[in-house]
Amino acid sequence: MSAYDHETLLSLTYATPQRARRVERAITPEIGDIDDERSRTRLDREAAELRLTIEARDLVALRAAANTWLSLVSVAEQAGAATR
């Protein structure tokens, strides 16, 4: 059995691949930095879709990681909207 018993996928689809790429670039530096012994996250992008796969040892860590990533994405989206 894996050390990470729980997993969730956050799939975010944007109007354009360029918008998805902007958000991806904004949050990529956090990948690995936020990981700890209780959770880890992978980021993938295909065209206009971003996928964050979060693995965690327990449900509390999964929820905390998901909340963190959704907050970071929200900030990246708002910052991107402000620069248009």
C-alpha atoms as a PDB file:
ATOM      1  CA  MET A   1       0.000   0.000   0.000  1.00  0.00           C
ATOM      2  CA  SER A   2       1.203   3.495  -0.841  1.00  0.00           C
ATOM      3  CA  ALA A   3       2.213   5.959   1.868  1.00  0.00           C
ATOM      4  CA  TYR A   4      -0.440   8.231   0.332  1.00  0.00           C
ATOM      5  CA  ASP A   5      -3.836   6.615   0.837  1.00  0.00           C
ATOM      6  CA  HIS A   6      -5.983   9.484  -0.460  1.00  0.00           C
ATOM      7  CA  GLU A   7      -5.993  11.362  -3.748  1.00  0.00           C
ATOM      8  CA  THR A   8      -7.981  14.094  -5.416  1.00  0.00           C
ATOM      9  CA  LEU A   9      -7.791  15.695  -8.837  1.00  0.00           C
ATOM     10  CA  LEU A  10      -8.535  19.377  -9.306  1.00  0.00           C
ATOM     11  CA  SER A  11      -9.258  19.988 -12.984  1.00  0.00           C
ATOM     12  CA  LEU A  12      -9.455  23.630 -14.043  1.00  0.00           C
ATOM     13  CA  THR A  13     -10.447  24.596 -17.581  1.00  0.00           C
ATOM     14  CA  TYR A  14      -9.784  28.108 -18.894  1.00  0.00           C
ATOM     15  CA  ALA A  15     -11.115  30.018 -21.886  1.00  0.00           C
ATOM     16  CA  THR A  16      -7.757  29.851 -23.658  1.00  0.00           C
ATOM     17  CA  PRO A  17      -4.514  27.868 -23.412  1.00  0.00           C
ATOM     18  CA  GLN A  18      -2.685  31.161 -22.822  1.00  0.00           C
ATOM     19  CA  ARG A  19      -4.752  31.847 -19.699  1.00  0.00           C
ATOM     20  CA  ALA A  20      -4.078  28.330 -18.412  1.00  0.00           C
ATOM     21  CA  ARG A  21      -0.372  28.784 -19.114  1.00  0.00           C
ATOM     22  CA  ARG A  22      -0.331  32.072 -17.121  1.00  0.00           C
ATOM     23  CA  VAL A  23      -1.898  30.427 -14.089  1.00  0.00           C
ATOM     24  CA  GLU A  24       0.426  27.427 -14.481  1.00  0.00           C
ATOM     25  CA  ARG A  25       3.500  29.676 -14.513  1.00  0.00           C
ATOM     26  CA  ALA A  26       2.269  31.528 -11.441  1.00  0.00           C
ATOM     27  CA  ILE A  27       1.786  28.422  -9.292  1.00  0.00           C
ATOM     28  CA  THR A  28       4.580  26.174 -10.608  1.00  0.00           C
ATOM     29  CA  PRO A  29       7.204  27.562  -8.167  1.00  0.00           C
ATOM     30  CA  GLU A  30       5.063  26.279  -5.285  1.00  0.00           C
ATOM     31  CA  ILE A  31       5.112  22.675  -6.521  1.00  0.00           C
ATOM     32  CA  GLY A  32       7.481  20.806  -4.235  1.00  0.00           C
ATOM     33  CA  ASP A  33       7.811  23.712  -1.804  1.00  0.00           C
ATOM     34  CA  ILE A  34       4.423  23.047  -0.247  1.00  0.00           C
ATOM     35  CA  ASP A  35       4.847  19.261  -0.208  1.00  0.00           C
ATOM     36  CA  ASP A  36       5.536  17.717   3.172  1.00  0.00           C
ATOM     37  CA  GLU A  37       5.500  14.275   4.784  1.00  0.00           C
ATOM     38  CA  ARG A  38       1.675  14.240   4.709  1.00  0.00           C
ATOM     39  CA  SER A  39       0.910  15.382   1.149  1.00  0.00           C
ATOM     40  CA  ARG A  40       2.357  16.016  -2.277  1.00  0.00           C
ATOM     41  CA  THR A  41       1.036  17.591  -5.476  1.00  0.00           C
ATOM     42  CA  ARG A  42       1.645  17.242  -9.207  1.00  0.00           C
ATOM     43  CA  LEU A  43       0.715  19.861 -11.803  1.00  0.00           C
ATOM     44  CA  ASP A  44      -0.011  19.074 -15.449  1.00  0.00           C
ATOM     45  CA  ARG A  45      -1.376  21.232 -18.248  1.00  0.00           C
ATOM     46  CA  GLU A  46      -2.859  20.213 -21.554  1.00  0.00           C
ATOM     47  CA  ALA A  47      -3.996  23.116 -23.723  1.00  0.00           C
ATOM     48  CA  ALA A  48      -6.546  25.089 -21.650  1.00  0.00           C
ATOM     49  CA  GLU A  49      -6.816  22.566 -18.807  1.00  0.00           C
ATOM     50  CA  LEU A  50      -4.747  22.523 -15.610  1.00  0.00           C
ATOM     51  CA  ARG A  51      -4.734  19.395 -13.463  1.00  0.00           C
ATOM     52  CA  LEU A  52      -3.536  19.368  -9.870  1.00  0.00           C
ATOM     53  CA  THR A  53      -3.238  15.853  -8.446  1.00  0.00           C
ATOM     54  CA  ILE A  54      -2.995  15.885  -4.677  1.00  0.00           C
ATOM     55  CA  GLU A  55      -2.002  12.780  -2.731  1.00  0.00           C
ATOM     56  CA  ALA A  56      -2.211  12.676   1.053  1.00  0.00           C
ATOM     57  CA  ARG A  57      -1.731  10.287   3.946  1.00  0.00           C
ATOM     58  CA  ASP A  58      -4.975  11.332   5.625  1.00  0.00           C
ATOM     59  CA  LEU A  59      -8.144  13.243   4.843  1.00  0.00           C
ATOM     60  CA  VAL A  60      -7.191  16.255   6.972  1.00  0.00           C
ATOM     61  CA  ALA A  61      -3.967  16.685   4.980  1.00  0.00           C
ATOM     62  CA  LEU A  62      -5.871  16.197   1.714  1.00  0.00           C
ATOM     63  CA  ARG A  63      -8.372  18.915   2.618  1.00  0.00           C
ATOM     64  CA  ALA A  64      -5.632  21.289   3.774  1.00  0.00           C
ATOM     65  CA  ALA A  65      -3.622  20.789   0.586  1.00  0.00           C
ATOM     66  CA  ALA A  66      -6.702  21.207  -1.632  1.00  0.00           C
ATOM     67  CA  ASN A  67      -7.634  24.440   0.159  1.00  0.00           C
ATOM     68  CA  THR A  68      -4.084  25.748  -0.194  1.00  0.00           C
ATOM     69  CA  TRP A  69      -3.930  25.011  -3.912  1.00  0.00           C
ATOM     70  CA  LEU A  70      -7.374  26.450  -4.607  1.00  0.00           C
ATOM     71  CA  SER A  71      -6.321  29.635  -2.806  1.00  0.00           C
ATOM     72  CA  LEU A  72      -3.096  29.874  -4.807  1.00  0.00           C
ATOM     73  CA  VAL A  73      -4.962  29.332  -8.069  1.00  0.00           C
ATOM     74  CA  SER A  74      -7.505  31.991  -7.118  1.00  0.00           C
ATOM     75  CA  VAL A  75      -4.750  34.528  -6.437  1.00  0.00           C
ATOM     76  CA  ALA A  76      -3.051  33.661  -9.746  1.00  0.00           C
ATOM     77  CA  GLU A  77      -6.339  34.090 -11.608  1.00  0.00           C
ATOM     78  CA  GLN A  78      -7.008  37.460  -9.964  1.00  0.00           C
ATOM     79  CA  ALA A  79      -3.476  38.673 -10.658  1.00  0.00           C
ATOM     80  CA  GLY A  80      -3.801  37.583 -14.277  1.00  0.00           C
ATOM     81  CA  ALA A  81      -7.100  39.432 -14.628  1.00  0.00           C
ATOM     82  CA  ALA A  82      -5.559  42.589 -13.168  1.00  0.00           C
ATOM     83  CA  THR A  83      -2.744  42.612 -15.741  1.00  0.00           C
ATOM     84  CA  ARG A  84      -4.995  42.549 -18.782  1.00  0.00           C
END
